[in-house]
Protein backbone atom coordinates (compact mmCIF):
# COMPACT_ATOMS: atom_id res chain seq x y z
CA UNK A 1 86.53 98.09 57.64
CA UNK A 2 86.01 96.75 61.16
CA UNK A 3 84.49 93.42 60.11
CA UNK A 4 85.31 90.77 62.72
CA UNK A 5 84.67 87.14 63.59
CA UNK A 6 83.00 85.82 66.70
CA UNK A 7 86.36 84.64 67.98
CA UNK A 8 87.83 88.12 67.51
CA UNK A 9 85.30 89.70 69.86
CA UNK A 10 84.59 86.90 72.34
CA UNK A 11 88.13 85.96 73.32
CA UNK A 12 88.86 89.46 74.67
CA UNK A 13 85.47 89.40 76.41
CA UNK A 14 86.34 86.07 78.05
CA UNK A 15 89.68 87.37 79.32
CA UNK A 16 88.45 90.78 80.48
CA UNK A 17 85.07 89.66 81.87
CA UNK A 18 82.35 91.32 79.85
CA UNK A 19 79.79 90.25 77.24
CA UNK A 20 79.07 91.26 73.67
CA UNK A 21 75.56 91.81 72.41
CA UNK A 22 74.28 89.48 69.70
CA UNK A 23 71.54 91.78 68.41
CA UNK A 24 68.88 90.10 66.31
CA UNK A 25 68.16 92.06 63.13
CA UNK A 26 64.99 92.11 61.05
CA UNK A 27 65.76 94.90 58.59
CA UNK A 28 67.89 97.86 57.63
CA UNK A 29 66.41 100.23 60.19
CA UNK A 30 67.29 98.15 63.23
CA UNK A 31 70.69 96.89 62.06
CA UNK A 32 71.80 100.44 61.23
CA UNK A 33 70.65 101.63 64.66
CA UNK A 34 72.56 98.77 66.32
CA UNK A 35 75.78 99.66 64.48
CA UNK A 36 75.40 103.33 65.43
CA UNK A 37 74.71 102.35 69.04
CA UNK A 38 77.87 100.24 69.18
CA UNK A 39 79.88 103.11 67.73
CA UNK A 40 78.46 105.48 70.34
CA UNK A 41 79.26 103.04 73.15
CA UNK A 42 82.70 102.19 71.79
CA UNK A 43 82.10 98.45 71.86
CA UNK A 44 81.84 95.50 69.49
CA UNK A 45 78.48 94.32 68.21
CA UNK A 46 77.28 91.07 66.64
CA UNK A 47 74.64 91.70 63.97
CA UNK A 48 72.56 88.54 63.71
CA UNK A 49 70.38 87.29 60.86
CA UNK A 50 67.97 84.69 62.23
CA UNK A 51 65.47 82.51 60.35
CA UNK A 52 62.72 85.16 60.36
CA UNK A 53 65.07 87.77 58.98
CA UNK A 54 66.33 85.41 56.28
CA UNK A 55 62.79 84.53 55.27
CA UNK A 56 62.14 88.23 54.60
CA UNK A 57 65.49 89.22 53.03
CA UNK A 58 67.89 87.04 50.99
CA UNK A 59 71.25 86.11 52.53
CA UNK A 60 73.38 87.98 49.93
CA UNK A 61 71.49 91.20 50.67
CA UNK A 62 71.87 90.76 54.43
CA UNK A 63 75.59 90.04 54.08
CA UNK A 64 76.06 93.18 51.99
CA UNK A 65 74.18 95.33 54.51
CA UNK A 66 76.16 93.94 57.46
CA UNK A 67 79.46 94.44 55.67
CA UNK A 68 78.52 97.96 54.61
CA UNK A 69 77.70 98.89 58.21
CA UNK A 70 81.08 97.49 59.31
CA UNK A 71 82.69 99.98 56.92
CA UNK A 72 80.75 102.85 58.48
CA UNK A 73 81.94 102.44 62.07
CA UNK A 74 85.24 102.07 63.91
CA UNK A 75 84.16 99.32 66.32
CA UNK A 76 84.27 95.57 65.49
CA UNK A 77 81.14 94.28 63.73
CA UNK A 78 80.44 90.55 63.36
CA UNK A 79 78.19 89.46 60.48
CA UNK A 80 76.56 86.42 62.08
CA UNK A 81 74.11 83.80 60.84
CA UNK A 82 71.87 82.83 63.78
CA UNK A 83 70.25 79.37 63.92
CA UNK A 84 71.51 77.83 60.73
CA UNK A 85 69.92 74.39 60.58
CA UNK A 86 71.78 72.77 57.69
CA UNK A 87 75.29 72.54 56.29
CA UNK A 88 74.02 74.13 53.08
CA UNK A 89 72.56 77.13 54.88
CA UNK A 90 75.82 77.75 56.73
CA UNK A 91 77.87 77.29 53.57
CA UNK A 92 75.67 79.76 51.69
CA UNK A 93 76.13 82.33 54.45
CA UNK A 94 79.92 81.96 54.37
CA UNK A 95 79.94 82.20 50.57
CA UNK A 96 77.92 85.44 50.82
CA UNK A 97 80.41 87.05 53.19
CA UNK A 98 79.15 86.31 56.68
CA UNK A 99 82.06 86.16 59.13
CA UNK A 100 80.35 83.83 61.59
CA UNK A 101 77.67 81.14 61.62
CA UNK A 102 75.70 79.50 64.39
CA UNK A 103 74.78 75.90 63.61
CA UNK A 104 71.82 74.70 65.63
CA UNK A 105 71.89 70.94 66.01
CA UNK A 106 70.38 71.08 69.48
CA UNK A 107 67.32 69.02 68.57
CA UNK A 108 69.49 66.16 67.33
CA UNK A 109 71.08 63.27 69.27
CA UNK A 110 74.35 64.26 70.92
CA UNK A 111 76.71 62.38 68.60
CA UNK A 112 74.95 63.65 65.47
CA UNK A 113 75.05 67.20 66.81
CA UNK A 114 78.79 66.82 67.50
CA UNK A 115 79.59 65.39 64.07
CA UNK A 116 77.58 67.94 62.09
CA UNK A 117 78.77 70.89 64.18
CA UNK A 118 82.40 69.78 63.84
CA UNK A 119 82.04 69.67 60.05
CA UNK A 120 80.64 73.20 59.98
CA UNK A 121 83.36 74.45 62.34
CA UNK A 122 85.96 73.08 59.93
CA UNK A 123 84.20 74.71 56.98
CA UNK A 124 83.93 78.05 58.78
CA UNK A 125 87.56 78.05 59.86
CA UNK A 126 88.68 77.32 56.30
CA UNK A 127 86.79 80.48 55.32
CA UNK A 128 88.53 82.39 58.16
CA UNK A 129 85.15 82.67 59.85
CA UNK A 130 83.90 81.44 63.23
CA UNK A 131 81.23 79.00 64.39
CA UNK A 132 78.89 78.86 67.38
CA UNK A 133 77.18 75.61 68.35
CA UNK A 134 74.42 74.70 70.79
CA UNK A 135 74.28 71.90 73.33
CA UNK A 136 71.08 71.37 75.27
CA UNK A 137 67.94 72.89 73.80
CA UNK A 138 66.69 76.42 74.45
CA UNK A 139 62.91 76.37 74.22
CA UNK A 140 60.40 78.99 73.15
CA UNK A 141 57.85 80.99 75.09
CA UNK A 142 54.42 79.45 74.38
CA UNK A 143 56.17 76.74 72.37
CA UNK A 144 58.68 73.92 72.74
CA UNK A 145 60.03 73.32 76.23
CA UNK A 146 63.72 73.61 76.99
CA UNK A 147 66.04 70.68 77.64
CA UNK A 148 68.82 71.80 79.94
CA UNK A 149 72.51 71.47 79.14
CA UNK A 150 74.35 68.59 80.82
CA UNK A 151 77.83 69.82 81.89
CA UNK A 152 79.57 66.57 80.96
CA UNK A 153 77.98 66.59 77.51
CA UNK A 154 78.91 70.25 77.10
CA UNK A 155 82.55 69.45 77.82
CA UNK A 156 82.57 66.66 75.22
CA UNK A 157 80.75 68.85 72.69
CA UNK A 158 83.21 71.73 73.11
CA UNK A 159 86.25 69.46 72.89
CA UNK A 160 85.14 67.38 69.90
CA UNK A 161 83.63 70.18 67.78
CA UNK A 162 86.18 72.97 68.29
CA UNK A 163 83.41 75.60 68.39
CA UNK A 164 84.39 79.22 69.00
CA UNK A 165 81.35 79.73 71.23
CA UNK A 166 78.81 77.42 72.83
CA UNK A 167 75.14 78.23 73.40
CA UNK A 168 73.74 76.58 76.53
CA UNK A 169 70.32 75.99 78.07
CA UNK A 170 70.23 77.04 81.73
CA UNK A 171 66.73 78.43 82.19
CA UNK A 172 66.76 80.80 79.22
CA UNK A 173 63.83 80.86 76.78
CA UNK A 174 63.49 82.33 73.28
CA UNK A 175 60.88 85.05 72.58
CA UNK A 176 60.20 85.80 76.23
CA UNK A 177 58.65 89.25 76.62
CA UNK A 178 58.99 89.53 80.40
CA UNK A 179 61.88 88.83 82.73
CA UNK A 180 61.73 85.19 83.78
CA UNK A 181 62.76 83.41 86.97
CA UNK A 182 66.47 83.93 86.31
CA UNK A 183 69.19 81.70 84.94
CA UNK A 184 70.59 78.69 86.78
CA UNK A 185 73.88 80.11 88.05
CA UNK A 186 74.93 76.79 89.61
CA UNK A 187 74.38 75.12 86.24
CA UNK A 188 76.50 77.75 84.51
CA UNK A 189 79.29 77.24 87.05
CA UNK A 190 79.19 73.48 86.50
CA UNK A 191 79.54 73.92 82.74
CA UNK A 192 82.38 76.42 82.86
CA UNK A 193 84.25 74.24 85.36
CA UNK A 194 84.66 71.70 82.55
CA UNK A 195 85.35 73.92 79.54
CA UNK A 196 86.78 77.36 78.84
CA UNK A 197 84.86 77.94 75.59
CA UNK A 198 82.98 81.28 75.62
CA UNK A 199 79.35 80.63 76.58
CA UNK A 200 76.28 82.11 74.91
CA UNK A 201 72.80 82.82 76.23
CA UNK A 202 70.01 82.74 73.67
CA UNK A 203 66.75 84.34 74.78
CA UNK A 204 68.60 87.10 76.61
CA UNK A 205 65.54 89.36 76.63
CA UNK A 206 64.09 87.15 79.36
CA UNK A 207 67.10 87.71 81.62
CA UNK A 208 67.03 90.67 83.99
CA UNK A 209 69.48 93.51 83.47
CA UNK A 210 70.97 92.87 86.91
CA UNK A 211 71.66 89.21 86.14
CA UNK A 212 73.07 90.03 82.70
CA UNK A 213 75.51 92.42 84.34
CA UNK A 214 76.46 89.94 87.05
CA UNK A 215 77.00 87.02 84.69
CA UNK A 216 78.97 89.15 82.24
CA UNK A 217 81.42 90.13 84.97
CA UNK A 218 81.62 86.86 86.88
CA UNK A 219 81.22 83.95 84.46
CA UNK A 220 82.33 82.70 81.05
CA UNK A 221 79.15 83.97 79.43
CA UNK A 222 80.50 86.29 76.76
CA UNK A 223 77.49 86.75 74.47
CA UNK A 224 73.85 87.51 75.15
CA UNK A 225 71.42 87.27 72.22
CA UNK A 226 68.87 90.08 72.48
CA UNK A 227 65.93 90.08 70.08
CA UNK A 228 62.44 90.34 71.57
CA UNK A 229 63.31 93.28 73.82
CA UNK A 230 64.58 95.32 70.87
CA UNK A 231 61.75 94.26 68.58
CA UNK A 232 59.31 95.55 71.19
CA UNK A 233 61.19 98.86 71.29
CA UNK A 234 60.99 99.10 67.51
CA UNK A 235 57.27 98.31 67.52
CA UNK A 236 56.63 101.01 70.08
CA UNK A 237 58.67 103.56 68.13
CA UNK A 238 56.96 102.67 64.86
CA UNK A 239 53.51 102.88 66.45
CA UNK A 240 54.30 106.32 67.83
CA UNK A 241 55.63 107.47 64.46
CA UNK A 242 52.53 106.31 62.59
CA UNK A 243 50.13 107.76 65.15
CA UNK A 244 51.91 111.11 65.28
CA UNK A 245 50.48 112.12 61.91
CA UNK A 246 47.59 110.07 60.47
CA UNK A 247 47.98 111.78 57.09
CA UNK A 248 51.63 110.86 56.64
CA UNK A 249 52.06 107.97 54.19
CA UNK A 250 55.72 107.98 53.12
CA UNK A 251 57.29 104.99 54.81
CA UNK A 252 60.80 106.42 54.67
CA UNK A 253 59.66 109.43 56.67
CA UNK A 254 57.85 107.19 59.15
CA UNK A 255 60.76 104.79 59.57
CA UNK A 256 63.23 107.63 60.13
CA UNK A 257 61.39 108.36 63.35
CA UNK A 258 62.33 104.92 64.71
CA UNK A 259 66.07 105.54 64.43
CA UNK A 260 66.80 107.55 67.56
CA UNK A 261 64.62 105.40 69.87
CA UNK A 262 66.29 102.25 68.53
CA UNK A 263 69.77 103.67 68.99
CA UNK A 264 68.87 104.55 72.58
CA UNK A 265 67.44 101.08 73.30
CA UNK A 266 70.44 99.31 71.78
CA UNK A 267 72.90 101.55 73.60
CA UNK A 268 71.37 100.59 76.93
CA UNK A 269 71.63 96.88 76.13
CA UNK A 270 75.26 97.18 75.01
CA UNK A 271 76.22 99.42 77.93
CA UNK A 272 74.88 96.96 80.48
CA UNK A 273 76.80 94.06 78.93
CA UNK A 274 80.16 95.74 78.73
CA UNK A 275 80.07 96.66 82.42
């Protein structure tokens, strides 16, 4: 088994200057493709179960699928809960076998975010798992606006919580379908000047490939979350599979046709991040 924690894969990335893909999963078809893509590229992968995924599939089932895929490949696989909003949700994930949790207290006052994140870090570490926190708020396309990360607050957050990775808000936006205006590189530099915790970019689909590559090689950003970009690739592959034969009705046969396109899309994402 190649099951790993976030710390296991991000500390080498920090030292050797590359990033690991946090690939957002919605079901068996995409998570299997992501594991196969990582195996083909010879790199670690973080399989992420976000709120939408968890609404569709129970945590114990997701944990079992992630762990099974880790047994099928030789590269490190992190079973990661993305955007856990409560202590209970994070505890349930750890009890089910997730090796990493991301607690999102970014909407809360700074001190409350610190205290709650620190408690979940302690809980995760006792389970030999890892914990990612968020400081500043990453907004949503056509939704809530972002609140940028203050470098001084980020330094305090990292020091007082003991997080293994820290998600920051530097111009990134969740659910963005097109490349945006680019991340604030001066803001990233200001944050990493005050802390050496591996940094995470949520909403990585809105960051250009060129900037992803540059930041992976030249900054402490060690993890890019990629969801929308891969969901769009899956939708296109599924649409093509359905339209290829209007009389075909077996969903297993239809979904099989999404596998190769999804492996190809995920391989490109992972290849760009590892440099």
